[in-house]
Amino acid sequence: MEKLSIIKIGGNIIEDETSLNTFLQLFSNLEGHKILVHGGGKRATHIASKLGVESKMINGRRITDAETLEVITMVYGGLVNKNVVAKLQALNTDAIGLTGADINSIKSDKRPVKEIDFGFVGDVKKVAEKSIDKLIKADFTPVFCAITHDGNGQLLNTNADTIASTIAVAMSKIYDTSIYYCFELNGVLQDFNDKTSVIQQINTQIYKKLLENNIITDGMIPKIDNCFNALNNGVQKVHIGNTAMFTKENTNFTTITL
């Protein structure tokens, strides 16, 4: 199987022009087939504020009413996505910007209302790996924003981490896939106050001990659980760290395996 790298970049990289340019240069130099997934939540909050649209968050998750969905579509699918695509073209990477609605690539169900009504938020149900593969085989680099659709004309705000992992699982039927979660930290940390204390290797047994010792807590738990879900469904490796992950001389990031 040929190798495929799926890279998800977080909001802080998107927000900072220097960090974004550094990352995109490294991404464009990355050998082999690749897919980029991005969010843009901080930019969406900023633009929403300018437009007088209140951003409502519960437990770090955005409530997406109809007005907020309009802002997210403009920011994720327009401003951020096309800016990234244009920068990649300048680096001779032939990128194509996509939502999940494009080529029917990612379908989701609107999240059911339980204790909280998250509004127009999608939970991914199906990835069209053969359609995405047609783009890859045509030497295009897909750049997905955090928007999917329900198949009935409705766009849905969707977690970018989840999009990256579900694309990776689907593409693992065709490729030897790895996921890279790229954010501002060096990796998963032994001590959050010591940014150099990277845990370089995590497997199922190590993860269990890290949970028992309360080293991995709070918001990092669903992230790591998401990683193991991908690994249990065909993905080969998951890497977590900052842009230095993509430089050959750096080994100080986290790799998760079964």
Protein backbone atom coordinates (compact mmCIF):
# COMPACT_ATOMS: atom_id res chain seq x y z
CA MET A 1 0.00 0.00 0.00
CA GLU A 2 1.14 3.55 -0.75
CA LYS A 3 1.44 5.91 2.20
CA LEU A 4 -1.03 8.73 2.88
CA SER A 5 -0.58 11.43 5.52
CA ILE A 6 -3.62 13.23 6.94
CA ILE A 7 -2.65 16.43 8.77
CA LYS A 8 -5.01 18.43 10.95
CA ILE A 9 -3.98 21.95 11.97
CA GLY A 10 -5.43 23.81 14.94
CA GLY A 11 -6.66 27.36 15.35
CA ASN A 12 -3.47 28.90 16.73
CA ILE A 13 -1.52 27.95 13.59
CA ILE A 14 -4.28 29.37 11.38
CA GLU A 15 -4.44 32.60 13.40
CA ASP A 16 -0.72 33.37 13.28
CA GLU A 17 0.46 34.26 9.77
CA THR A 18 4.09 33.33 10.47
CA SER A 19 3.16 29.95 11.98
CA LEU A 20 0.81 29.22 9.08
CA ASN A 21 3.43 30.08 6.47
CA THR A 22 6.04 27.94 8.26
CA PHE A 23 3.64 25.01 8.46
CA LEU A 24 2.52 25.26 4.82
CA GLN A 25 6.14 25.31 3.63
CA LEU A 26 6.81 22.12 5.63
CA PHE A 27 3.52 20.59 4.43
CA SER A 28 4.32 21.32 0.79
CA ASN A 29 7.73 19.66 1.21
CA LEU A 30 6.17 16.53 2.73
CA GLU A 31 6.73 13.60 0.41
CA GLY A 32 3.95 11.31 -0.76
CA HIS A 33 0.17 11.66 -0.82
CA LYS A 34 -1.37 14.01 1.75
CA ILE A 35 -4.63 15.58 2.88
CA LEU A 36 -4.95 18.72 5.01
CA VAL A 37 -7.84 19.31 7.44
CA HIS A 38 -8.34 22.65 9.20
CA GLY A 39 -10.74 24.37 11.56
CA GLY A 40 -10.82 28.11 12.17
CA GLY A 41 -12.89 28.56 15.32
CA LYS A 42 -10.98 31.57 16.66
CA ARG A 43 -11.27 33.38 13.33
CA ALA A 44 -15.00 32.55 13.19
CA THR A 45 -15.52 33.96 16.70
CA HIS A 46 -13.66 37.16 15.72
CA ILE A 47 -15.65 37.66 12.49
CA ALA A 48 -18.94 36.81 14.25
CA SER A 49 -18.21 39.51 16.82
CA LYS A 50 -17.59 42.06 14.05
CA LEU A 51 -20.92 41.11 12.48
CA GLY A 52 -22.75 41.34 15.82
CA VAL A 53 -23.37 37.59 16.03
CA GLU A 54 -22.93 36.20 19.54
CA SER A 55 -20.73 33.08 19.84
CA LYS A 56 -22.16 30.60 22.34
CA MET A 57 -19.94 27.84 23.72
CA ILE A 58 -20.76 24.97 26.10
CA ASN A 59 -17.90 22.81 27.41
CA GLY A 60 -15.67 24.26 24.69
CA ARG A 61 -18.11 23.31 21.93
CA ARG A 62 -19.82 25.86 19.71
CA ILE A 63 -23.61 26.13 19.57
CA THR A 64 -24.30 26.51 15.85
CA ASP A 65 -27.60 28.30 15.20
CA ALA A 66 -28.59 29.36 11.66
CA GLU A 67 -26.81 32.74 11.92
CA THR A 68 -23.63 31.14 13.29
CA LEU A 69 -23.67 28.55 10.51
CA GLU A 70 -23.63 31.37 7.94
CA VAL A 71 -20.52 32.86 9.61
CA ILE A 72 -18.81 29.46 9.85
CA THR A 73 -19.49 28.73 6.18
CA MET A 74 -18.04 32.10 5.19
CA VAL A 75 -14.98 31.75 7.43
CA TYR A 76 -14.13 28.03 7.25
CA GLY A 77 -15.20 27.33 3.67
CA GLY A 78 -14.25 30.75 2.30
CA LEU A 79 -11.75 32.97 4.08
CA VAL A 80 -9.57 30.34 5.77
CA ASN A 81 -9.84 27.55 3.20
CA LYS A 82 -9.14 29.69 0.13
CA ASN A 83 -6.31 31.53 1.89
CA VAL A 84 -4.64 28.18 2.67
CA VAL A 85 -5.22 26.89 -0.88
CA ALA A 86 -3.75 30.08 -2.42
CA LYS A 87 -0.66 29.86 -0.20
CA LEU A 88 -0.17 26.20 -1.16
CA GLN A 89 -0.44 27.05 -4.87
CA ALA A 90 2.34 29.61 -4.34
CA LEU A 91 4.43 26.73 -2.94
CA ASN A 92 3.73 24.59 -6.03
CA THR A 93 1.33 22.27 -4.22
CA ASP A 94 -1.75 21.81 -6.41
CA ALA A 95 -4.38 22.06 -3.67
CA ILE A 96 -8.16 21.86 -3.94
CA GLY A 97 -10.33 23.34 -1.17
CA LEU A 98 -13.33 21.30 -0.06
CA THR A 99 -16.24 21.02 2.33
CA GLY A 100 -17.79 17.62 2.97
CA ALA A 101 -20.54 18.59 0.49
CA ASP A 102 -18.07 18.78 -2.40
CA ILE A 103 -18.04 15.54 -4.44
CA ASN A 104 -20.35 14.23 -1.68
CA SER A 105 -17.15 13.47 0.26
CA ILE A 106 -18.35 13.56 3.90
CA LYS A 107 -21.94 13.03 4.99
CA SER A 108 -23.09 13.60 8.56
CA ASP A 109 -26.21 13.35 10.65
CA LYS A 110 -27.37 16.42 12.54
CA ARG A 111 -26.53 15.78 16.17
CA PRO A 112 -29.69 14.76 18.08
CA VAL A 113 -30.86 16.98 20.92
CA LYS A 114 -30.21 15.45 24.34
CA GLU A 115 -29.35 17.69 27.31
CA ILE A 116 -27.99 20.34 24.91
CA ASP A 117 -29.18 21.47 21.48
CA PHE A 118 -25.95 22.10 19.55
CA GLY A 119 -27.90 23.27 16.49
CA PHE A 120 -26.46 22.64 13.04
CA VAL A 121 -23.65 20.36 14.19
CA GLY A 122 -22.83 17.16 12.33
CA ASP A 123 -21.65 13.73 13.45
CA VAL A 124 -19.82 12.04 10.56
CA LYS A 125 -21.52 8.93 9.16
CA LYS A 126 -19.91 8.30 5.76
CA VAL A 127 -16.71 9.26 3.94
CA ALA A 128 -16.57 8.72 0.16
CA GLU A 129 -13.00 7.39 0.05
CA LYS A 130 -13.18 6.45 -3.65
CA SER A 131 -14.16 10.00 -4.64
CA ILE A 132 -11.37 11.50 -2.51
CA ASP A 133 -8.95 8.98 -4.01
CA LYS A 134 -9.81 10.20 -7.52
CA LEU A 135 -8.50 13.65 -6.52
CA ILE A 136 -5.34 12.14 -5.01
CA LYS A 137 -4.72 9.98 -8.09
CA ALA A 138 -5.11 13.12 -10.23
CA ASP A 139 -2.25 14.66 -8.17
CA PHE A 140 -4.46 17.11 -6.29
CA THR A 141 -3.97 17.74 -2.56
CA PRO A 142 -7.39 17.95 -0.83
CA VAL A 143 -7.78 20.68 1.81
CA PHE A 144 -10.89 20.05 3.92
CA CYS A 145 -12.52 22.64 6.16
CA ALA A 146 -14.65 21.65 9.17
CA ILE A 147 -17.98 21.59 7.33
CA THR A 148 -19.93 18.51 6.21
CA HIS A 149 -23.48 18.00 4.86
CA ASP A 150 -26.48 15.77 5.51
CA GLY A 151 -27.22 14.79 1.88
CA ASN A 152 -30.42 16.84 1.91
CA GLY A 153 -28.93 20.27 1.24
CA GLN A 154 -28.02 21.15 4.82
CA LEU A 155 -24.45 22.13 5.75
CA LEU A 156 -23.26 21.13 9.23
CA ASN A 157 -20.48 22.43 11.48
CA THR A 158 -18.29 19.40 12.28
CA ASN A 159 -15.32 18.83 14.60
CA ALA A 160 -12.08 19.02 12.56
CA ASP A 161 -10.30 16.37 14.71
CA THR A 162 -13.14 13.96 13.97
CA ILE A 163 -13.07 14.79 10.25
CA ALA A 164 -9.33 14.02 10.15
CA SER A 165 -9.73 10.67 11.94
CA THR A 166 -12.79 9.53 9.94
CA ILE A 167 -11.12 10.44 6.63
CA ALA A 168 -8.03 8.49 7.77
CA VAL A 169 -10.10 5.42 8.69
CA ALA A 170 -11.91 5.49 5.34
CA MET A 171 -8.72 6.03 3.34
CA SER A 172 -6.98 3.18 5.19
CA LYS A 173 -8.95 0.82 2.92
CA ILE A 174 -6.80 2.13 0.06
CA TYR A 175 -3.62 3.52 1.70
CA ASP A 176 -1.25 2.99 4.60
CA THR A 177 -2.55 6.00 6.54
CA SER A 178 -1.08 8.10 9.34
CA ILE A 179 -2.64 11.08 11.13
CA TYR A 180 -0.73 14.15 12.32
CA TYR A 181 -2.52 16.42 14.83
CA CYS A 182 -0.54 19.66 14.62
CA PHE A 183 -1.02 22.34 17.29
CA GLU A 184 1.06 24.71 19.44
CA LEU A 185 2.44 22.17 21.96
CA ASN A 186 5.38 19.81 21.36
CA GLY A 187 3.14 16.78 22.00
CA VAL A 188 1.29 15.07 24.86
CA LEU A 189 3.02 16.30 28.03
CA GLN A 190 4.05 14.46 31.21
CA ASP A 191 3.79 17.79 33.07
CA PHE A 192 1.63 20.50 31.50
CA ASN A 193 3.74 23.21 33.16
CA ASP A 194 6.89 21.82 31.50
CA LYS A 195 6.44 22.24 27.75
CA THR A 196 9.53 20.07 27.06
CA SER A 197 8.19 17.01 28.97
CA VAL A 198 6.90 15.23 25.87
CA ILE A 199 5.72 11.61 26.13
CA GLN A 200 7.20 10.34 22.87
CA GLN A 201 5.50 6.95 22.72
CA ILE A 202 1.99 6.00 23.87
CA ASN A 203 0.35 2.63 23.36
CA THR A 204 -2.72 1.05 24.97
CA GLN A 205 -0.87 -0.08 28.11
CA ILE A 206 0.99 3.21 28.59
CA TYR A 207 -2.25 5.16 28.07
CA LYS A 208 -3.97 3.14 30.79
CA LYS A 209 -1.19 4.01 33.26
CA LEU A 210 -1.24 7.70 32.26
CA LEU A 211 -5.00 7.79 32.97
CA GLU A 212 -4.57 6.01 36.33
CA ASN A 213 -1.89 8.54 37.36
CA ASN A 214 -3.99 11.52 36.19
CA ILE A 215 -1.27 12.63 33.76
CA ILE A 216 -3.74 12.71 30.87
CA THR A 217 -6.94 14.49 31.98
CA ASP A 218 -9.85 16.66 30.83
CA GLY A 219 -9.98 17.65 27.15
CA MET A 220 -6.98 15.52 26.17
CA ILE A 221 -8.88 12.29 27.03
CA PRO A 222 -11.44 12.50 24.16
CA LYS A 223 -8.60 13.48 21.79
CA ILE A 224 -6.54 10.40 22.69
CA ASP A 225 -9.66 8.17 22.67
CA ASN A 226 -10.33 9.46 19.15
CA CYS A 227 -6.76 8.49 18.20
CA PHE A 228 -7.17 4.93 19.50
CA ASN A 229 -10.51 4.63 17.71
CA ALA A 230 -8.73 5.46 14.44
CA LEU A 231 -5.93 2.98 15.21
CA ASN A 232 -8.48 0.24 15.96
CA ASN A 233 -10.09 0.89 12.58
CA GLY A 234 -7.17 0.62 10.18
CA VAL A 235 -4.98 3.70 10.74
CA GLN A 236 -1.31 2.78 11.27
CA LYS A 237 0.04 5.63 13.42
CA VAL A 238 -1.12 8.88 15.02
CA HIS A 239 1.34 11.71 15.73
CA ILE A 240 0.69 14.73 17.97
CA GLY A 241 2.95 17.78 18.10
CA ASN A 242 3.80 21.18 16.62
CA THR A 243 5.07 22.10 13.15
CA ALA A 244 8.55 20.78 14.05
CA MET A 245 7.10 17.24 13.58
CA PHE A 246 7.68 17.73 9.88
CA THR A 247 11.40 18.47 10.15
CA LYS A 248 13.71 15.47 9.88
CA GLU A 249 15.93 16.53 12.80
CA ASN A 250 13.05 16.66 15.33
CA THR A 251 11.96 13.54 17.21
CA ASN A 252 10.41 15.29 20.21
CA PHE A 253 6.71 14.69 19.54
CA THR A 254 4.16 12.03 20.51
CA THR A 255 3.50 8.92 18.43
CA ILE A 256 0.47 6.78 19.36
CA THR A 257 0.23 3.12 18.32
CA LEU A 258 -1.78 0.14 19.54
